[in-house]
């Protein structure tokens, strides 16, 4: 490991320290692991990078030994970050307690547009499975830390097919990183050369092997040359999520396009999924709270209330505590209960106004927050009468003034005459037709709810008398009295 602390809690970086003073602290046993706080030794040879090593302790954070190439890779990244962001807090081998992971190099930005942003830089020299990478990536993601993965250049492989030396052999780990980050970095520790993978093209070709054509898909990076020494690497940060990628001058414009067209849509999709998961979690929390703190009936009302107003309540479901949420919307739940009880009582009346309200209003509307806000302090009947005032006026008019016509029309609307009557009614106005086998007078009256005014009703009634009731071609049915 490249970082330790002293007995005075001061940090020492192996690659940056004074050799003599650090050796003296080592001899005095005043060097400690910053995580398990056991003694470590300073290893400062002439052939390898200086580092610290545990003596006897089994540290849960650090696993040793560490290869020379890994130490060099970390050092390159650490030095680049310190130079690029002099005001930021940059740490070697930083243990992130919230996710129990250690980053090779960790940075916390202290100023500018990136203030507060946290990055984890990982140099992967040893083989790593796709599953282990995904687990670590998800850990960083859950902590809102952007992770940058640099694979050792040794993992970059090319085709051995004749004439196909530029074709890449993309392994499982590269595919996993590319699919989730839309980019992949390779770092060569000796030369400090960084390769930035960001765009591939594929080609089906027919190379000849052992005298036979063998169709095969080859992958080429576009452009072929996309490497630069680390000292010349820059960054590009998009404005929406402050997501950052590495770049350099020659491919900068291509990378900007890639960021806008590939990475940004991907980030938006991930953010949408995150918000959806978060909302679902908060929703479940509030349902469980309701079930634990309210009677079953009111808990069910709250659940349906949240479902019916999902978009309108989304911010409150996500941000308010369960207690604050239910305190805010408790009056709405009580109003829903009152409305449901009042609506059930409508079945016991013959009043055409109430019958209309019951026929053309639906209980699921009672959960709608806009409906409840408009209703205010009014009773359900009072509010719905006002809301359906025009339609009720028209229906009441035809019921009170033309009850005899409706009764005769209903009598002729026998099962075997229904199609004949409906045909005539549709010729007058399509909405006047009745398709029920046993319609009530209310049903016939309700068909006039869409009329423009009472004059229009009078006109339709006149046509019904002339074309149906007084039409001798339509035989009266002898069974009408059974209705």
Protein backbone atom coordinates (compact mmCIF):
# COMPACT_ATOMS: atom_id res chain seq x y z
CA UNK A 1 0.00 0.00 0.00
CA UNK A 2 1.15 3.54 -0.71
CA UNK A 3 -0.39 5.41 2.24
CA UNK A 4 0.01 5.23 6.00
CA UNK A 5 -0.48 7.45 9.05
CA UNK A 6 1.83 8.39 11.91
CA UNK A 7 1.14 8.31 15.62
CA UNK A 8 0.14 11.98 15.22
CA UNK A 9 -2.46 11.03 12.54
CA UNK A 10 -0.46 12.63 9.73
CA UNK A 11 -0.67 11.01 6.29
CA UNK A 12 2.47 9.83 4.53
CA UNK A 13 2.54 8.90 0.84
CA UNK A 14 5.29 6.38 0.10
CA UNK A 15 6.12 7.78 -3.33
CA UNK A 16 6.27 11.38 -2.04
CA UNK A 17 7.87 11.04 1.40
CA UNK A 18 11.33 11.89 2.69
CA UNK A 19 13.20 8.60 2.85
CA UNK A 20 15.30 9.29 5.93
CA UNK A 21 12.58 10.73 8.16
CA UNK A 22 10.15 7.99 7.16
CA UNK A 23 12.77 5.30 7.90
CA UNK A 24 13.26 6.87 11.31
CA UNK A 25 9.52 6.67 12.04
CA UNK A 26 9.61 3.10 10.79
CA UNK A 27 12.38 2.20 13.25
CA UNK A 28 10.41 3.85 16.05
CA UNK A 29 7.32 1.86 15.02
CA UNK A 30 5.27 4.98 14.52
CA UNK A 31 3.79 4.04 11.14
CA UNK A 32 0.23 2.65 11.06
CA UNK A 33 -2.35 1.37 8.60
CA UNK A 34 -4.98 4.14 8.20
CA UNK A 35 -7.76 1.53 8.47
CA UNK A 36 -6.89 -1.30 10.85
CA UNK A 37 -4.34 0.94 12.69
CA UNK A 38 -1.84 -1.88 13.12
CA UNK A 39 1.90 -1.29 12.61
CA UNK A 40 3.20 -1.23 9.03
CA UNK A 41 6.73 -1.21 7.70
CA UNK A 42 8.29 1.19 5.22
CA UNK A 43 9.81 -0.66 2.27
CA UNK A 44 12.20 1.66 0.42
CA UNK A 45 14.41 -0.42 -1.85
CA UNK A 46 16.29 0.74 -4.90
CA UNK A 47 14.57 -1.45 -7.51
CA UNK A 48 10.90 -1.21 -6.64
CA UNK A 49 8.46 1.59 -5.85
CA UNK A 50 8.51 2.51 -2.17
CA UNK A 51 5.50 1.24 -0.23
CA UNK A 52 4.17 0.27 3.19
CA UNK A 53 3.36 -3.28 4.23
CA UNK A 54 1.58 -4.93 7.12
CA UNK A 55 3.74 -7.05 9.37
CA UNK A 56 1.46 -9.54 11.12
CA UNK A 57 -2.04 -8.04 10.99
CA UNK A 58 -4.74 -9.38 8.66
CA UNK A 59 -6.23 -6.10 7.48
CA UNK A 60 -9.83 -6.35 6.25
CA UNK A 61 -9.28 -3.48 3.81
CA UNK A 62 -5.92 -4.16 2.23
CA UNK A 63 -4.97 -7.46 0.65
CA UNK A 64 -1.32 -7.93 -0.10
CA UNK A 65 1.08 -8.46 -1.81
CA UNK A 66 0.69 -5.74 -4.48
CA UNK A 67 2.45 -5.95 -7.84
CA UNK A 68 4.93 -3.33 -8.97
CA UNK A 69 2.83 -2.62 -12.06
CA UNK A 70 -0.24 -1.92 -9.91
CA UNK A 71 1.68 0.52 -7.76
CA UNK A 72 2.99 2.30 -10.84
CA UNK A 73 -0.47 2.53 -12.35
CA UNK A 74 -1.89 4.04 -9.16
CA UNK A 75 0.98 6.50 -8.97
CA UNK A 76 0.36 7.70 -12.55
CA UNK A 77 -3.32 8.31 -11.79
CA UNK A 78 -2.59 9.96 -8.44
CA UNK A 79 -0.01 12.35 -9.91
CA UNK A 80 -2.27 13.24 -12.85
CA UNK A 81 -5.17 14.07 -10.54
CA UNK A 82 -3.00 16.13 -8.18
CA UNK A 83 -1.65 18.12 -11.11
CA UNK A 84 -5.02 18.50 -12.84
CA UNK A 85 -6.99 19.42 -9.70
CA UNK A 86 -4.59 21.10 -7.25
CA UNK A 87 -7.39 22.31 -4.95
CA UNK A 88 -9.08 18.90 -4.68
CA UNK A 89 -8.57 16.33 -1.97
CA UNK A 90 -6.76 13.39 -3.59
CA UNK A 91 -6.06 10.22 -1.61
CA UNK A 92 -4.32 6.93 -2.26
CA UNK A 93 -6.15 3.73 -1.32
CA UNK A 94 -9.12 5.49 0.20
CA UNK A 95 -11.54 3.33 2.15
CA UNK A 96 -15.17 4.33 1.52
CA UNK A 97 -16.92 3.14 4.66
CA UNK A 98 -20.46 3.65 3.34
CA UNK A 99 -19.99 0.95 0.69
CA UNK A 100 -17.04 -0.89 2.29
CA UNK A 101 -14.86 -0.49 -0.80
CA UNK A 102 -11.40 0.90 -1.27
CA UNK A 103 -10.52 3.03 -4.29
CA UNK A 104 -6.98 2.97 -5.68
CA UNK A 105 -7.17 6.76 -5.91
CA UNK A 106 -10.03 8.86 -4.58
CA UNK A 107 -10.76 12.51 -5.22
CA UNK A 108 -13.20 14.97 -3.68
CA UNK A 109 -13.56 18.21 -5.63
CA UNK A 110 -13.53 21.37 -3.55
CA UNK A 111 -14.37 24.16 -5.98
CA UNK A 112 -15.78 25.08 -9.38
CA UNK A 113 -18.60 23.27 -11.18
CA UNK A 114 -17.37 19.93 -9.82
CA UNK A 115 -17.44 21.03 -6.17
CA UNK A 116 -18.65 18.15 -4.01
CA UNK A 117 -18.31 15.56 -6.77
CA UNK A 118 -16.48 12.36 -5.81
CA UNK A 119 -14.50 10.19 -8.18
CA UNK A 120 -12.89 6.77 -7.75
CA UNK A 121 -9.99 5.85 -10.05
CA UNK A 122 -9.21 2.13 -10.33
CA UNK A 123 -6.19 0.63 -12.07
CA UNK A 124 -6.89 -3.03 -12.83
CA UNK A 125 -3.66 -4.97 -13.30
CA UNK A 126 -4.91 -8.38 -12.13
CA UNK A 127 -7.70 -10.39 -13.80
CA UNK A 128 -11.17 -9.39 -12.63
CA UNK A 129 -14.42 -11.18 -13.39
CA UNK A 130 -17.35 -9.39 -14.98
CA UNK A 131 -19.46 -10.18 -11.90
CA UNK A 132 -16.90 -8.71 -9.47
CA UNK A 133 -16.57 -5.57 -11.58
CA UNK A 134 -20.35 -5.11 -11.71
CA UNK A 135 -20.55 -5.49 -7.93
CA UNK A 136 -17.88 -2.83 -7.38
CA UNK A 137 -19.38 -0.52 -10.01
CA UNK A 138 -22.84 -0.78 -8.43
CA UNK A 139 -21.26 0.01 -5.06
CA UNK A 140 -19.80 3.26 -6.38
CA UNK A 141 -23.03 4.06 -8.19
CA UNK A 142 -25.10 3.60 -5.02
CA UNK A 143 -22.87 6.16 -3.25
CA UNK A 144 -23.12 8.63 -6.15
CA UNK A 145 -19.41 8.25 -6.91
CA UNK A 146 -18.29 8.28 -10.55
CA UNK A 147 -15.86 5.43 -11.11
CA UNK A 148 -13.11 5.47 -13.75
CA UNK A 149 -11.65 2.07 -14.64
CA UNK A 150 -8.22 1.76 -16.25
CA UNK A 151 -7.34 -1.73 -17.45
CA UNK A 152 -3.69 -2.62 -17.79
CA UNK A 153 -2.75 -2.35 -21.47
CA UNK A 154 -1.81 -6.03 -21.37
CA UNK A 155 -5.55 -6.84 -21.45
CA UNK A 156 -5.97 -5.17 -24.86
CA UNK A 157 -5.87 -8.00 -27.41
CA UNK A 158 -5.83 -8.01 -31.20
CA UNK A 159 -6.77 -10.56 -33.84
CA UNK A 160 -4.10 -12.97 -35.05
CA UNK A 161 -5.89 -13.57 -38.37
CA UNK A 162 -3.71 -12.65 -41.38
CA UNK A 163 -4.30 -9.07 -42.46
CA UNK A 164 -6.55 -8.37 -39.47
CA UNK A 165 -4.03 -7.09 -36.95
CA UNK A 166 -6.09 -3.94 -36.29
CA UNK A 167 -9.17 -5.97 -35.34
CA UNK A 168 -9.80 -6.15 -31.60
CA UNK A 169 -10.60 -9.16 -29.48
CA UNK A 170 -12.98 -7.70 -26.91
CA UNK A 171 -13.06 -9.76 -23.74
CA UNK A 172 -15.86 -10.12 -21.18
CA UNK A 173 -14.61 -7.47 -18.73
CA UNK A 174 -14.15 -4.89 -21.49
CA UNK A 175 -17.64 -5.60 -22.78
CA UNK A 176 -19.11 -5.20 -19.31
CA UNK A 177 -17.37 -1.86 -18.71
CA UNK A 178 -18.20 -0.57 -22.18
CA UNK A 179 -21.86 -1.57 -21.91
CA UNK A 180 -22.31 0.25 -18.57
CA UNK A 181 -20.00 3.24 -19.09
CA UNK A 182 -19.98 3.54 -22.90
CA UNK A 183 -16.19 3.90 -22.67
CA UNK A 184 -13.19 1.89 -21.54
CA UNK A 185 -9.67 3.09 -20.65
CA UNK A 186 -6.38 1.18 -20.98
CA UNK A 187 -3.20 2.35 -19.25
CA UNK A 188 0.34 1.14 -19.92
CA UNK A 189 2.32 1.78 -16.69
CA UNK A 190 5.80 1.90 -18.22
CA UNK A 191 5.04 4.36 -21.01
CA UNK A 192 2.13 6.14 -19.22
CA UNK A 193 0.21 5.71 -22.47
CA UNK A 194 -3.59 5.98 -22.14
CA UNK A 195 -5.89 4.39 -24.75
CA UNK A 196 -9.50 5.58 -24.84
CA UNK A 197 -12.03 3.14 -26.31
CA UNK A 198 -15.29 4.84 -27.21
CA UNK A 199 -16.49 3.78 -30.68
CA UNK A 200 -16.30 0.47 -32.53
CA UNK A 201 -17.46 -0.63 -35.94
CA UNK A 202 -18.05 -4.24 -36.91
CA UNK A 203 -17.46 -6.02 -40.19
CA UNK A 204 -18.37 -9.50 -41.38
CA UNK A 205 -15.43 -10.86 -43.35
CA UNK A 206 -14.38 -14.17 -44.87
CA UNK A 207 -10.77 -14.90 -43.98
CA UNK A 208 -9.30 -18.11 -45.38
CA UNK A 209 -8.05 -20.66 -42.85
CA UNK A 210 -6.68 -24.05 -43.93
CA UNK A 211 -7.86 -23.35 -47.46
CA UNK A 212 -11.48 -22.61 -46.45
CA UNK A 213 -13.44 -19.42 -46.08
CA UNK A 214 -14.67 -18.95 -42.54
CA UNK A 215 -17.18 -16.09 -42.09
CA UNK A 216 -16.37 -14.10 -38.98
CA UNK A 217 -17.26 -10.78 -37.39
CA UNK A 218 -14.35 -8.44 -36.71
CA UNK A 219 -14.40 -5.33 -34.51
CA UNK A 220 -12.33 -2.23 -35.23
CA UNK A 221 -12.00 0.87 -33.14
CA UNK A 222 -12.77 4.08 -35.02
CA UNK A 223 -10.35 5.83 -35.12
CA UNK A 224 -7.65 3.16 -35.10
CA UNK A 225 -5.20 5.44 -33.28
CA UNK A 226 -6.65 6.72 -30.00
CA UNK A 227 -3.82 6.75 -27.47
CA UNK A 228 -1.92 9.57 -25.73
CA UNK A 229 0.50 9.96 -22.83
CA UNK A 230 -1.28 10.62 -19.55
CA UNK A 231 0.27 14.07 -19.10
CA UNK A 232 -1.65 15.35 -22.15
CA UNK A 233 -5.03 14.00 -21.08
CA UNK A 234 -7.84 16.49 -20.48
CA UNK A 235 -11.43 16.16 -19.27
CA UNK A 236 -14.85 16.87 -20.77
CA UNK A 237 -17.79 17.40 -18.39
CA UNK A 238 -21.41 17.52 -19.56
CA UNK A 239 -23.79 19.98 -17.91
CA UNK A 240 -26.78 17.83 -16.93
CA UNK A 241 -25.23 15.26 -14.57
CA UNK A 242 -21.67 16.69 -14.45
CA UNK A 243 -20.52 13.36 -15.83
CA UNK A 244 -16.87 13.51 -16.83
CA UNK A 245 -14.84 11.62 -19.42
CA UNK A 246 -11.16 11.72 -20.30
CA UNK A 247 -10.07 13.10 -23.64
CA UNK A 248 -7.23 14.64 -25.61
CA UNK A 249 -6.99 17.18 -28.37
CA UNK A 250 -7.01 14.97 -31.48
CA UNK A 251 -10.22 13.08 -30.62
CA UNK A 252 -11.88 15.76 -28.50
CA UNK A 253 -14.65 16.61 -30.96
CA UNK A 254 -15.45 12.94 -31.56
CA UNK A 255 -15.68 12.42 -27.82
CA UNK A 256 -17.98 15.41 -27.37
CA UNK A 257 -20.32 13.90 -29.95
CA UNK A 258 -20.06 10.51 -28.23
CA UNK A 259 -20.87 12.14 -24.90
CA UNK A 260 -23.97 13.86 -26.30
CA UNK A 261 -25.30 11.02 -28.46
CA UNK A 262 -24.35 7.90 -26.50
CA UNK A 263 -23.43 8.62 -22.90
CA UNK A 264 -25.97 11.33 -22.04
CA UNK A 265 -29.03 9.31 -23.20
CA UNK A 266 -27.67 6.36 -21.23
CA UNK A 267 -27.29 8.54 -18.12
CA UNK A 268 -30.83 9.86 -18.52
CA UNK A 269 -32.11 6.28 -18.71
CA UNK A 270 -30.18 5.29 -15.59
CA UNK A 271 -31.43 8.35 -13.72
CA UNK A 272 -35.00 7.59 -14.73
CA UNK A 273 -34.63 4.02 -13.46
CA UNK A 274 -33.07 5.27 -10.22
CA UNK A 275 -35.90 7.70 -9.58
CA UNK A 276 -38.46 5.01 -10.38
CA UNK A 277 -36.81 2.60 -7.90
CA UNK A 278 -36.61 5.32 -5.27
CA UNK A 279 -40.27 6.24 -5.75
CA UNK A 280 -41.30 2.59 -5.50
CA UNK A 281 -39.30 2.18 -2.28
CA UNK A 282 -40.82 5.32 -0.73
CA UNK A 283 -44.29 4.18 -1.87
CA UNK A 284 -43.88 0.81 -0.15
CA UNK A 285 -42.61 2.52 3.01
CA UNK A 286 -45.74 4.66 3.19
CA UNK A 287 -48.07 1.73 2.53
CA UNK A 288 -46.40 -0.23 5.35
CA UNK A 289 -46.68 2.81 7.62
CA UNK A 290 -50.41 3.11 6.85
CA UNK A 291 -51.00 -0.59 7.51
CA UNK A 292 -49.19 -0.31 10.85
CA UNK A 293 -50.81 2.92 12.05
CA UNK A 294 -54.35 3.01 10.63
CA UNK A 295 -57.38 0.77 10.44
CA UNK A 296 -57.50 -1.46 7.39
CA UNK A 297 -60.22 0.59 5.65
CA UNK A 298 -58.36 3.90 5.87
CA UNK A 299 -55.05 2.20 4.95
CA UNK A 300 -56.71 0.88 1.77
CA UNK A 301 -58.04 4.37 1.03
CA UNK A 302 -54.55 5.84 1.34
CA UNK A 303 -53.10 3.19 -0.96
CA UNK A 304 -55.71 3.86 -3.66
CA UNK A 305 -55.28 7.61 -3.15
CA UNK A 306 -51.54 7.37 -3.85
CA UNK A 307 -52.09 5.17 -6.89
CA UNK A 308 -54.71 7.52 -8.35
CA UNK A 309 -52.49 10.58 -7.89
CA UNK A 310 -49.10 9.05 -8.53
CA UNK A 311 -47.73 11.86 -10.70
CA UNK A 312 -49.18 14.69 -8.60
CA UNK A 313 -47.95 13.20 -5.31
CA UNK A 314 -44.63 11.91 -6.64
CA UNK A 315 -42.49 14.59 -5.02
CA UNK A 316 -44.22 14.27 -1.64
CA UNK A 317 -44.09 10.46 -1.74
CA UNK A 318 -40.37 10.69 -2.44
CA UNK A 319 -39.35 13.48 -0.05
CA UNK A 320 -41.78 13.59 2.89
CA UNK A 321 -41.46 11.27 5.85
CA UNK A 322 -44.33 8.80 6.21
CA UNK A 323 -45.68 10.67 9.22
CA UNK A 324 -45.56 14.07 7.48
CA UNK A 325 -47.11 12.63 4.34
CA UNK A 326 -50.12 11.19 6.14
CA UNK A 327 -50.57 14.31 8.25
CA UNK A 328 -50.70 16.35 5.04
CA UNK A 329 -53.20 14.11 3.22
CA UNK A 330 -55.29 12.73 6.10
CA UNK A 331 -58.18 15.13 5.36
CA UNK A 332 -58.29 13.86 1.76
CA UNK A 333 -58.58 10.25 2.91
CA UNK A 334 -61.45 11.14 5.24
CA UNK A 335 -63.20 12.96 2.42
CA UNK A 336 -62.85 9.89 0.17
CA UNK A 337 -64.46 7.77 2.89
CA UNK A 338 -67.36 10.21 3.28
CA UNK A 339 -67.89 10.35 -0.50
CA UNK A 340 -67.94 6.57 -0.80
CA UNK A 341 -70.49 6.23 1.99
CA UNK A 342 -72.69 8.96 0.54
CA UNK A 343 -72.46 7.45 -2.94
CA UNK A 344 -73.59 4.07 -1.60
CA UNK A 345 -76.67 5.73 -0.09
CA UNK A 346 -77.82 6.94 -3.54
CA UNK A 347 -79.13 3.50 -4.43
CA UNK A 348 -82.04 3.96 -2.00
CA UNK A 349 -83.67 6.88 -3.87
CA UNK A 350 -85.86 7.21 -6.98
CA UNK A 351 -84.93 10.84 -7.57
CA UNK A 352 -83.85 11.17 -11.21
CA UNK A 353 -81.18 13.73 -10.32
CA UNK A 354 -79.52 11.34 -7.86
CA UNK A 355 -79.99 8.42 -10.24
CA UNK A 356 -78.17 10.38 -12.95
CA UNK A 357 -75.33 11.20 -10.56
CA UNK A 358 -75.00 7.53 -9.68
CA UNK A 359 -75.12 6.40 -13.31
CA UNK A 360 -72.56 8.81 -14.76
CA UNK A 361 -70.07 9.35 -11.93
CA UNK A 362 -67.57 6.76 -10.77
CA UNK A 363 -66.07 5.99 -7.39
CA UNK A 364 -62.50 6.03 -8.70
CA UNK A 365 -62.94 9.76 -9.34
CA UNK A 366 -63.38 10.30 -5.60
CA UNK A 367 -59.67 9.52 -5.08
CA UNK A 368 -58.53 12.14 -7.57
CA UNK A 369 -56.94 15.07 -5.74
CA UNK A 370 -58.24 17.57 -8.33
CA UNK A 371 -61.79 16.26 -7.80
CA UNK A 372 -61.41 16.58 -4.02
CA UNK A 373 -59.96 20.08 -4.25
CA UNK A 374 -62.82 21.22 -6.48
CA UNK A 375 -65.37 19.62 -4.17
CA UNK A 376 -64.05 21.50 -1.17
CA UNK A 377 -66.50 21.53 1.75
CA UNK A 378 -69.54 20.58 -0.34
CA UNK A 379 -71.29 17.26 0.12
CA UNK A 380 -70.87 14.79 -2.73
CA UNK A 381 -74.46 15.24 -3.90
CA UNK A 382 -74.21 19.03 -3.81
CA UNK A 383 -70.92 19.06 -5.69
CA UNK A 384 -71.98 16.55 -8.39
CA UNK A 385 -75.29 18.31 -8.95
CA UNK A 386 -73.37 21.48 -9.66
CA UNK A 387 -70.80 19.70 -11.78
CA UNK A 388 -73.48 17.94 -13.88
CA UNK A 389 -75.92 20.82 -13.77
CA UNK A 390 -76.53 21.14 -17.51
CA UNK A 391 -76.96 17.42 -18.13
CA UNK A 392 -79.25 17.01 -15.11
CA UNK A 393 -81.40 19.91 -16.28
CA UNK A 394 -81.87 18.33 -19.72
CA UNK A 395 -82.56 14.84 -18.36
CA UNK A 396 -85.04 16.17 -15.79
CA UNK A 397 -86.79 18.19 -18.47
CA UNK A 398 -87.41 15.23 -20.74
CA UNK A 399 -88.38 12.96 -17.82
CA UNK A 400 -90.88 15.42 -16.36
CA UNK A 401 -92.40 16.65 -19.64
CA UNK A 402 -92.31 13.58 -21.87
CA UNK A 403 -92.74 10.69 -19.45
CA UNK A 404 -95.67 9.37 -21.53
CA UNK A 405 -93.52 9.28 -24.68
CA UNK A 406 -90.69 7.51 -22.84
CA UNK A 407 -93.14 4.97 -21.38
CA UNK A 408 -94.61 4.17 -24.82
CA UNK A 409 -91.16 3.95 -26.37
CA UNK A 410 -90.04 1.60 -23.63
CA UNK A 411 -93.08 -0.58 -24.19
CA UNK A 412 -92.25 -0.92 -27.88
CA UNK A 413 -88.65 -1.69 -27.01
CA UNK A 414 -89.42 -5.38 -26.59
CA UNK A 415 -86.60 -7.80 -27.20
CA UNK A 416 -87.88 -8.74 -30.65
CA UNK A 417 -88.55 -5.07 -31.55
CA UNK A 418 -85.35 -3.60 -30.11
CA UNK A 419 -83.42 -3.54 -33.37
CA UNK A 420 -86.30 -1.91 -35.26
CA UNK A 421 -86.77 0.80 -32.62
CA UNK A 422 -83.02 1.41 -32.32
CA UNK A 423 -82.70 1.75 -36.08
CA UNK A 424 -85.34 4.49 -36.07
CA UNK A 425 -83.77 6.20 -33.04
CA UNK A 426 -80.32 6.18 -34.67
CA UNK A 427 -81.80 7.85 -37.74
CA UNK A 428 -82.97 10.66 -35.49
CA UNK A 429 -79.79 10.81 -33.33
CA UNK A 430 -77.34 7.97 -32.81
CA UNK A 431 -77.00 8.56 -29.04
CA UNK A 432 -80.75 7.98 -28.49
CA UNK A 433 -80.51 4.25 -29.16
CA UNK A 434 -80.87 1.93 -26.15
CA UNK A 435 -79.08 -1.43 -26.20
CA UNK A 436 -80.24 -2.88 -22.90
CA UNK A 437 -82.85 -5.66 -23.15
CA UNK A 438 -84.81 -4.34 -20.15
CA UNK A 439 -84.27 -0.56 -20.08
CA UNK A 440 -85.84 1.72 -17.47
CA UNK A 441 -87.47 5.09 -18.06
CA UNK A 442 -84.33 6.61 -16.55
CA UNK A 443 -82.26 4.94 -19.27
CA UNK A 444 -84.34 6.56 -21.98
CA UNK A 445 -84.23 9.94 -20.27
CA UNK A 446 -80.45 9.78 -19.82
CA UNK A 447 -79.90 9.51 -23.59
CA UNK A 448 -80.85 13.19 -23.94
CA UNK A 449 -77.97 14.37 -21.71
CA UNK A 450 -75.86 15.27 -24.74
CA UNK A 451 -78.43 17.54 -26.32
CA UNK A 452 -77.53 21.17 -26.83
CA UNK A 453 -80.67 22.56 -25.25
CA UNK A 454 -84.35 21.85 -24.53
CA UNK A 455 -85.40 22.97 -28.01
CA UNK A 456 -83.31 20.17 -29.45
CA UNK A 457 -85.06 17.71 -27.12
CA UNK A 458 -88.46 18.96 -28.27
CA UNK A 459 -87.42 18.44 -31.88
CA UNK A 460 -86.28 14.83 -31.23
CA UNK A 461 -89.46 13.98 -29.28
CA UNK A 462 -91.57 15.30 -32.16
CA UNK A 463 -89.64 13.09 -34.61
CA UNK A 464 -90.06 10.06 -32.33
CA UNK A 465 -93.82 10.56 -32.24
CA UNK A 466 -94.02 10.91 -36.01
CA UNK A 467 -91.63 8.13 -37.08
CA UNK A 468 -92.08 5.59 -34.32
CA UNK A 469 -95.06 6.04 -32.01
CA UNK A 470 -97.54 7.23 -34.67
CA UNK A 471 -96.14 5.08 -37.45
CA UNK A 472 -98.73 2.50 -38.47
CA UNK A 473 -96.06 0.48 -40.23
CA UNK A 474 -94.65 -0.41 -36.82
CA UNK A 475 -97.12 -2.84 -35.33
CA UNK A 476 -97.80 -2.39 -31.69
CA UNK A 477 -96.82 -5.40 -29.64
CA UNK A 478 -99.54 -7.22 -27.68
CA UNK A 479 -97.12 -8.11 -24.90
CA UNK A 480 -96.26 -4.52 -23.98
CA UNK A 481 -98.43 -4.60 -20.84
CA UNK A 482 -96.14 -7.18 -19.20
CA UNK A 483 -93.53 -4.43 -18.89
